[in-house]
C-alpha atoms as a PDB file:
ATOM      1  CA  UNK A   1     127.505  93.444  88.319  1.00  0.00           C
ATOM      2  CA  UNK A   2     124.833  94.807  90.712  1.00  0.00           C
ATOM      3  CA  UNK A   3     123.455  98.246  89.881  1.00  0.00           C
ATOM      4  CA  UNK A   4     124.194 101.302  92.016  1.00  0.00           C
ATOM      5  CA  UNK A   5     121.722 101.893  94.880  1.00  0.00           C
ATOM      6  CA  UNK A   6     119.079 104.564  94.350  1.00  0.00           C
ATOM      7  CA  UNK A   7     117.110 106.599  96.867  1.00  0.00           C
ATOM      8  CA  UNK A   8     114.328 104.039  96.502  1.00  0.00           C
ATOM      9  CA  UNK A   9     116.875 101.375  97.478  1.00  0.00           C
ATOM     10  CA  UNK A  10     117.507 103.237 100.713  1.00  0.00           C
ATOM     11  CA  UNK A  11     113.790 103.747 101.329  1.00  0.00           C
ATOM     12  CA  UNK A  12     113.381  99.972 101.224  1.00  0.00           C
ATOM     13  CA  UNK A  13     116.520  99.383 103.294  1.00  0.00           C
ATOM     14  CA  UNK A  14     115.210 101.818 105.896  1.00  0.00           C
ATOM     15  CA  UNK A  15     111.972  99.870 106.181  1.00  0.00           C
ATOM     16  CA  UNK A  16     113.940  96.636 106.451  1.00  0.00           C
ATOM     17  CA  UNK A  17     115.947  98.311 109.201  1.00  0.00           C
ATOM     18  CA  UNK A  18     112.712  98.550 111.196  1.00  0.00           C
ATOM     19  CA  UNK A  19     111.732  94.886 110.798  1.00  0.00           C
ATOM     20  CA  UNK A  20     111.723  91.911 108.442  1.00  0.00           C
ATOM     21  CA  UNK A  21     108.981  92.100 105.821  1.00  0.00           C
ATOM     22  CA  UNK A  22     107.565  89.995 103.031  1.00  0.00           C
ATOM     23  CA  UNK A  23     107.566  91.689  99.637  1.00  0.00           C
ATOM     24  CA  UNK A  24     103.797  92.155  99.827  1.00  0.00           C
ATOM     25  CA  UNK A  25     103.979  93.642 103.333  1.00  0.00           C
ATOM     26  CA  UNK A  26     106.676  96.172 102.519  1.00  0.00           C
ATOM     27  CA  UNK A  27     104.894  97.352  99.369  1.00  0.00           C
ATOM     28  CA  UNK A  28     101.642  97.661 101.351  1.00  0.00           C
ATOM     29  CA  UNK A  29     103.445  99.749 103.978  1.00  0.00           C
ATOM     30  CA  UNK A  30     104.758 102.075 101.268  1.00  0.00           C
ATOM     31  CA  UNK A  31     101.236 102.416  99.876  1.00  0.00           C
ATOM     32  CA  UNK A  32     100.094 103.412 103.364  1.00  0.00           C
ATOM     33  CA  UNK A  33     102.493 106.296 103.874  1.00  0.00           C
ATOM     34  CA  UNK A  34     105.641 106.749 101.814  1.00  0.00           C
ATOM     35  CA  UNK A  35     103.732 106.986  98.523  1.00  0.00           C
ATOM     36  CA  UNK A  36     102.516 110.452  99.504  1.00  0.00           C
ATOM     37  CA  UNK A  37     106.042 111.852  99.126  1.00  0.00           C
ATOM     38  CA  UNK A  38     108.004 109.035  97.433  1.00  0.00           C
ATOM     39  CA  UNK A  39     105.601 107.477  94.898  1.00  0.00           C
ATOM     40  CA  UNK A  40     106.855 104.419  93.050  1.00  0.00           C
ATOM     41  CA  UNK A  41     104.970 101.681  91.208  1.00  0.00           C
ATOM     42  CA  UNK A  42     104.562  98.268  92.818  1.00  0.00           C
ATOM     43  CA  UNK A  43     106.538  96.698  89.965  1.00  0.00           C
ATOM     44  CA  UNK A  44     109.433  99.088  90.570  1.00  0.00           C
ATOM     45  CA  UNK A  45     109.462  98.281  94.290  1.00  0.00           C
ATOM     46  CA  UNK A  46     109.411  94.510  93.745  1.00  0.00           C
ATOM     47  CA  UNK A  47     112.277  94.803  91.247  1.00  0.00           C
ATOM     48  CA  UNK A  48     114.284  97.000  93.608  1.00  0.00           C
ATOM     49  CA  UNK A  49     113.889  94.474  96.430  1.00  0.00           C
ATOM     50  CA  UNK A  50     115.580  91.885  94.222  1.00  0.00           C
ATOM     51  CA  UNK A  51     118.390  94.317  93.413  1.00  0.00           C
ATOM     52  CA  UNK A  52     118.935  94.980  97.132  1.00  0.00           C
ATOM     53  CA  UNK A  53     119.459  91.261  97.619  1.00  0.00           C
ATOM     54  CA  UNK A  54     121.825  91.130  94.629  1.00  0.00           C
ATOM     55  CA  UNK A  55     123.945  93.849  96.265  1.00  0.00           C
ATOM     56  CA  UNK A  56     124.165  91.854  99.488  1.00  0.00           C
ATOM     57  CA  UNK A  57     122.225  94.515 101.397  1.00  0.00           C
ATOM     58  CA  UNK A  58     119.389  92.131 102.297  1.00  0.00           C
ATOM     59  CA  UNK A  59     118.648  88.434 102.403  1.00  0.00           C
ATOM     60  CA  UNK A  60     115.595  86.750 100.918  1.00  0.00           C
ATOM     61  CA  UNK A  61     114.258  83.652 102.663  1.00  0.00           C
ATOM     62  CA  UNK A  62     111.378  81.599 101.306  1.00  0.00           C
ATOM     63  CA  UNK A  63     109.075  80.347 104.066  1.00  0.00           C
ATOM     64  CA  UNK A  64     105.791  78.453 104.157  1.00  0.00           C
ATOM     65  CA  UNK A  65     102.773  80.658 104.750  1.00  0.00           C
ATOM     66  CA  UNK A  66      99.193  79.719 105.720  1.00  0.00           C
ATOM     67  CA  UNK A  67      98.222  79.235 102.073  1.00  0.00           C
ATOM     68  CA  UNK A  68     101.389  79.582 100.005  1.00  0.00           C
ATOM     69  CA  UNK A  69     105.079  80.289 100.218  1.00  0.00           C
ATOM     70  CA  UNK A  70     106.296  83.822 100.724  1.00  0.00           C
ATOM     71  CA  UNK A  71     109.680  85.519 100.670  1.00  0.00           C
ATOM     72  CA  UNK A  72     110.900  87.373 103.751  1.00  0.00           C
ATOM     73  CA  UNK A  73     113.469  90.145 103.335  1.00  0.00           C
ATOM     74  CA  UNK A  74     115.940  90.995 106.122  1.00  0.00           C
ATOM     75  CA  UNK A  75     118.576  93.719 106.120  1.00  0.00           C
ATOM     76  CA  UNK A  76     122.210  92.545 106.380  1.00  0.00           C
ATOM     77  CA  UNK A  77     125.100  94.239 108.231  1.00  0.00           C
ATOM     78  CA  UNK A  78     126.304  95.439 104.813  1.00  0.00           C
ATOM     79  CA  UNK A  79     122.860  96.896 104.207  1.00  0.00           C
ATOM     80  CA  UNK A  80     122.946  98.762 107.513  1.00  0.00           C
ATOM     81  CA  UNK A  81     126.377 100.137 106.628  1.00  0.00           C
ATOM     82  CA  UNK A  82     125.112 101.308 103.228  1.00  0.00           C
ATOM     83  CA  UNK A  83     122.084 102.921 104.890  1.00  0.00           C
ATOM     84  CA  UNK A  84     124.302 104.727 107.405  1.00  0.00           C
ATOM     85  CA  UNK A  85     126.519 105.997 104.580  1.00  0.00           C
ATOM     86  CA  UNK A  86     123.449 107.290 102.739  1.00  0.00           C
ATOM     87  CA  UNK A  87     122.436 109.292 105.814  1.00  0.00           C
ATOM     88  CA  UNK A  88     125.918 110.851 105.751  1.00  0.00           C
ATOM     89  CA  UNK A  89     125.331 112.301 102.262  1.00  0.00           C
ATOM     90  CA  UNK A  90     123.518 115.515 101.345  1.00  0.00           C
ATOM     91  CA  UNK A  91     119.921 114.914 100.205  1.00  0.00           C
ATOM     92  CA  UNK A  92     118.908 115.626  96.623  1.00  0.00           C
ATOM     93  CA  UNK A  93     117.273 119.040  96.082  1.00  0.00           C
ATOM     94  CA  UNK A  94     113.479 119.007  96.525  1.00  0.00           C
ATOM     95  CA  UNK A  95     111.503 118.969  93.281  1.00  0.00           C
ATOM     96  CA  UNK A  96     107.961 119.899  92.272  1.00  0.00           C
ATOM     97  CA  UNK A  97     106.434 117.707  89.557  1.00  0.00           C
ATOM     98  CA  UNK A  98     102.788 118.540  88.843  1.00  0.00           C
ATOM     99  CA  UNK A  99     101.416 117.956  85.354  1.00  0.00           C
ATOM    100  CA  UNK A 100      98.810 120.701  85.786  1.00  0.00           C
ATOM    101  CA  UNK A 101     101.676 123.205  86.136  1.00  0.00           C
ATOM    102  CA  UNK A 102     103.206 121.984  82.865  1.00  0.00           C
ATOM    103  CA  UNK A 103      99.873 122.216  81.057  1.00  0.00           C
ATOM    104  CA  UNK A 104      99.337 125.692  82.488  1.00  0.00           C
ATOM    105  CA  UNK A 105     102.762 126.813  81.253  1.00  0.00           C
ATOM    106  CA  UNK A 106     101.920 125.563  77.747  1.00  0.00           C
ATOM    107  CA  UNK A 107      98.304 126.673  77.985  1.00  0.00           C
ATOM    108  CA  UNK A 108      98.375 129.108  75.066  1.00  0.00           C
ATOM    109  CA  UNK A 109      98.420 126.029  72.819  1.00  0.00           C
ATOM    110  CA  UNK A 110      95.026 124.823  74.024  1.00  0.00           C
ATOM    111  CA  UNK A 111      91.685 126.299  75.040  1.00  0.00           C
ATOM    112  CA  UNK A 112      90.582 127.873  78.302  1.00  0.00           C
ATOM    113  CA  UNK A 113      88.044 125.077  78.609  1.00  0.00           C
ATOM    114  CA  UNK A 114      90.775 122.424  78.472  1.00  0.00           C
ATOM    115  CA  UNK A 115      92.871 124.291  81.049  1.00  0.00           C
ATOM    116  CA  UNK A 116      89.886 124.517  83.349  1.00  0.00           C
ATOM    117  CA  UNK A 117      89.265 120.779  82.965  1.00  0.00           C
ATOM    118  CA  UNK A 118      92.916 120.161  83.888  1.00  0.00           C
ATOM    119  CA  UNK A 119      92.582 122.227  87.060  1.00  0.00           C
ATOM    120  CA  UNK A 120      89.256 120.638  87.983  1.00  0.00           C
ATOM    121  CA  UNK A 121      90.847 117.193  87.650  1.00  0.00           C
ATOM    122  CA  UNK A 122      93.877 118.242  89.713  1.00  0.00           C
ATOM    123  CA  UNK A 123      91.581 119.639  92.409  1.00  0.00           C
ATOM    124  CA  UNK A 124      89.659 116.365  92.493  1.00  0.00           C
ATOM    125  CA  UNK A 125      92.880 114.336  92.678  1.00  0.00           C
ATOM    126  CA  UNK A 126      94.302 116.511  95.462  1.00  0.00           C
ATOM    127  CA  UNK A 127      91.095 116.173  97.467  1.00  0.00           C
ATOM    128  CA  UNK A 128      91.238 112.395  97.067  1.00  0.00           C
ATOM    129  CA  UNK A 129      94.851 112.288  98.265  1.00  0.00           C
ATOM    130  CA  UNK A 130      93.868 114.467 101.223  1.00  0.00           C
ATOM    131  CA  UNK A 131      91.021 112.100 102.108  1.00  0.00           C
ATOM    132  CA  UNK A 132      93.362 109.104 101.934  1.00  0.00           C
ATOM    133  CA  UNK A 133      95.904 110.873 104.123  1.00  0.00           C
ATOM    134  CA  UNK A 134      93.141 111.866 106.540  1.00  0.00           C
ATOM    135  CA  UNK A 135      92.188 108.199 106.904  1.00  0.00           C
ATOM    136  CA  UNK A 136      95.780 107.304 107.813  1.00  0.00           C
ATOM    137  CA  UNK A 137      95.907 110.120 110.376  1.00  0.00           C
ATOM    138  CA  UNK A 138      92.579 109.025 111.862  1.00  0.00           C
ATOM    139  CA  UNK A 139      93.897 105.474 112.211  1.00  0.00           C
ATOM    140  CA  UNK A 140      97.007 106.802 113.947  1.00  0.00           C
ATOM    141  CA  UNK A 141      94.902 108.840 116.383  1.00  0.00           C
ATOM    142  CA  UNK A 142      92.517 105.934 117.040  1.00  0.00           C
ATOM    143  CA  UNK A 143      94.982 103.041 117.259  1.00  0.00           C
ATOM    144  CA  UNK A 144      98.512 104.448 117.221  1.00  0.00           C
ATOM    145  CA  UNK A 145      99.148 102.822 113.841  1.00  0.00           C
ATOM    146  CA  UNK A 146     101.544  99.924 113.237  1.00  0.00           C
ATOM    147  CA  UNK A 147     104.539 101.729 114.792  1.00  0.00           C
ATOM    148  CA  UNK A 148     103.375 104.101 117.554  1.00  0.00           C
ATOM    149  CA  UNK A 149     106.944 104.539 118.818  1.00  0.00           C
ATOM    150  CA  UNK A 150     107.874 106.143 115.466  1.00  0.00           C
ATOM    151  CA  UNK A 151     105.089 108.743 115.272  1.00  0.00           C
ATOM    152  CA  UNK A 152     107.444 111.610 116.181  1.00  0.00           C
ATOM    153  CA  UNK A 153     109.072 110.980 112.782  1.00  0.00           C
ATOM    154  CA  UNK A 154     105.797 110.760 110.860  1.00  0.00           C
ATOM    155  CA  UNK A 155     103.772 113.703 112.183  1.00  0.00           C
ATOM    156  CA  UNK A 156     105.927 116.452 110.561  1.00  0.00           C
ATOM    157  CA  UNK A 157     105.290 114.985 107.086  1.00  0.00           C
ATOM    158  CA  UNK A 158     101.566 114.575 107.784  1.00  0.00           C
ATOM    159  CA  UNK A 159     101.279 118.237 108.770  1.00  0.00           C
ATOM    160  CA  UNK A 160     103.187 119.324 105.654  1.00  0.00           C
ATOM    161  CA  UNK A 161     101.099 117.166 103.302  1.00  0.00           C
ATOM    162  CA  UNK A 162      97.867 118.533 104.770  1.00  0.00           C
ATOM    163  CA  UNK A 163      99.079 122.073 104.049  1.00  0.00           C
ATOM    164  CA  UNK A 164     100.374 121.078 100.607  1.00  0.00           C
ATOM    165  CA  UNK A 165      97.103 119.601  99.357  1.00  0.00           C
ATOM    166  CA  UNK A 166      95.109 122.507 100.772  1.00  0.00           C
ATOM    167  CA  UNK A 167      97.489 124.953  99.042  1.00  0.00           C
ATOM    168  CA  UNK A 168      97.262 123.066  95.742  1.00  0.00           C
ATOM    169  CA  UNK A 169      93.456 123.080  95.873  1.00  0.00           C
ATOM    170  CA  UNK A 170      93.418 126.819  96.666  1.00  0.00           C
ATOM    171  CA  UNK A 171      95.816 127.459  93.771  1.00  0.00           C
ATOM    172  CA  UNK A 172      93.630 125.516  91.340  1.00  0.00           C
ATOM    173  CA  UNK A 173      90.499 127.366  92.407  1.00  0.00           C
ATOM    174  CA  UNK A 174      92.175 130.782  92.213  1.00  0.00           C
ATOM    175  CA  UNK A 175      93.673 129.991  88.808  1.00  0.00           C
ATOM    176  CA  UNK A 176      90.302 128.865  87.438  1.00  0.00           C
ATOM    177  CA  UNK A 177      88.885 132.263  88.415  1.00  0.00           C
ATOM    178  CA  UNK A 178      91.690 133.921  86.463  1.00  0.00           C
ATOM    179  CA  UNK A 179      91.086 131.718  83.421  1.00  0.00           C
ATOM    180  CA  UNK A 180      87.378 132.585  83.421  1.00  0.00           C
ATOM    181  CA  UNK A 181      88.337 136.261  83.034  1.00  0.00           C
ATOM    182  CA  UNK A 182      90.601 135.710  79.999  1.00  0.00           C
ATOM    183  CA  UNK A 183      89.174 136.408  76.524  1.00  0.00           C
ATOM    184  CA  UNK A 184      91.226 133.385  75.364  1.00  0.00           C
ATOM    185  CA  UNK A 185      94.523 131.712  76.309  1.00  0.00           C
ATOM    186  CA  UNK A 186      96.749 133.768  73.970  1.00  0.00           C
ATOM    187  CA  UNK A 187      98.393 137.166  74.436  1.00  0.00           C
ATOM    188  CA  UNK A 188      96.644 138.039  77.703  1.00  0.00           C
ATOM    189  CA  UNK A 189      99.867 139.258  79.292  1.00  0.00           C
ATOM    190  CA  UNK A 190     100.283 140.654  82.789  1.00  0.00           C
ATOM    191  CA  UNK A 191      97.016 141.899  84.262  1.00  0.00           C
ATOM    192  CA  UNK A 192      96.961 144.518  87.050  1.00  0.00           C
ATOM    193  CA  UNK A 193      95.822 141.842  89.499  1.00  0.00           C
ATOM    194  CA  UNK A 194      98.614 139.467  88.468  1.00  0.00           C
ATOM    195  CA  UNK A 195     101.149 142.276  88.808  1.00  0.00           C
ATOM    196  CA  UNK A 196      99.870 142.880  92.329  1.00  0.00           C
ATOM    197  CA  UNK A 197     100.215 139.168  93.113  1.00  0.00           C
ATOM    198  CA  UNK A 198     103.829 139.155  91.947  1.00  0.00           C
ATOM    199  CA  UNK A 199     104.619 142.337  93.874  1.00  0.00           C
ATOM    200  CA  UNK A 200     103.246 140.742  97.046  1.00  0.00           C
ATOM    201  CA  UNK A 201     105.949 138.082  96.715  1.00  0.00           C
ATOM    202  CA  UNK A 202     108.620 140.776  97.041  1.00  0.00           C
ATOM    203  CA  UNK A 203     106.801 142.365  99.975  1.00  0.00           C
ATOM    204  CA  UNK A 204     107.287 139.229 102.057  1.00  0.00           C
ATOM    205  CA  UNK A 205     110.450 138.499 104.044  1.00  0.00           C
ATOM    206  CA  UNK A 206     112.788 135.823 102.737  1.00  0.00           C
ATOM    207  CA  UNK A 207     111.901 132.338 103.982  1.00  0.00           C
END
């Protein structure tokens, strides 16, 4: 019996709703954009494509390519119905999953040096993601990208991700300054500056 569709299933169905893709093409398209906010491994995506076909939501046709055969995936009417029904549901709550946050929370079980190394690595990773996103944006501005008629749907996420990576980098740098002022990672408690930072949260209007 076919497995129940997941959100990744609908991400793939949505891309198939735009056009027919080969497996390689659709995974490459996800690497270009969706991975910034819906990261999944290539192996997971290839496996999910097969499950979409098993559910009858897409067809898979083997065709001759310039050098070898390739499989083209096309959404079916049943797949479009399933996609429409997904849009009718409430989205899952947004989540934040950042390993540096977890290590920071458990930081009294390691050294300040290790915490600083964690934040330096996270800063470096965030900068790299920002550079990669910048390259996509530059391509869009220079060429319009592969789907210029869909840019009104893409720009809001690009603006958010720019702010997100900048915020994450700022947070890492500010937190490293705090760590440098600790005598160690244990029993530091609430400093006057940290109390002020928390109180500023309450001074702001609700979002």
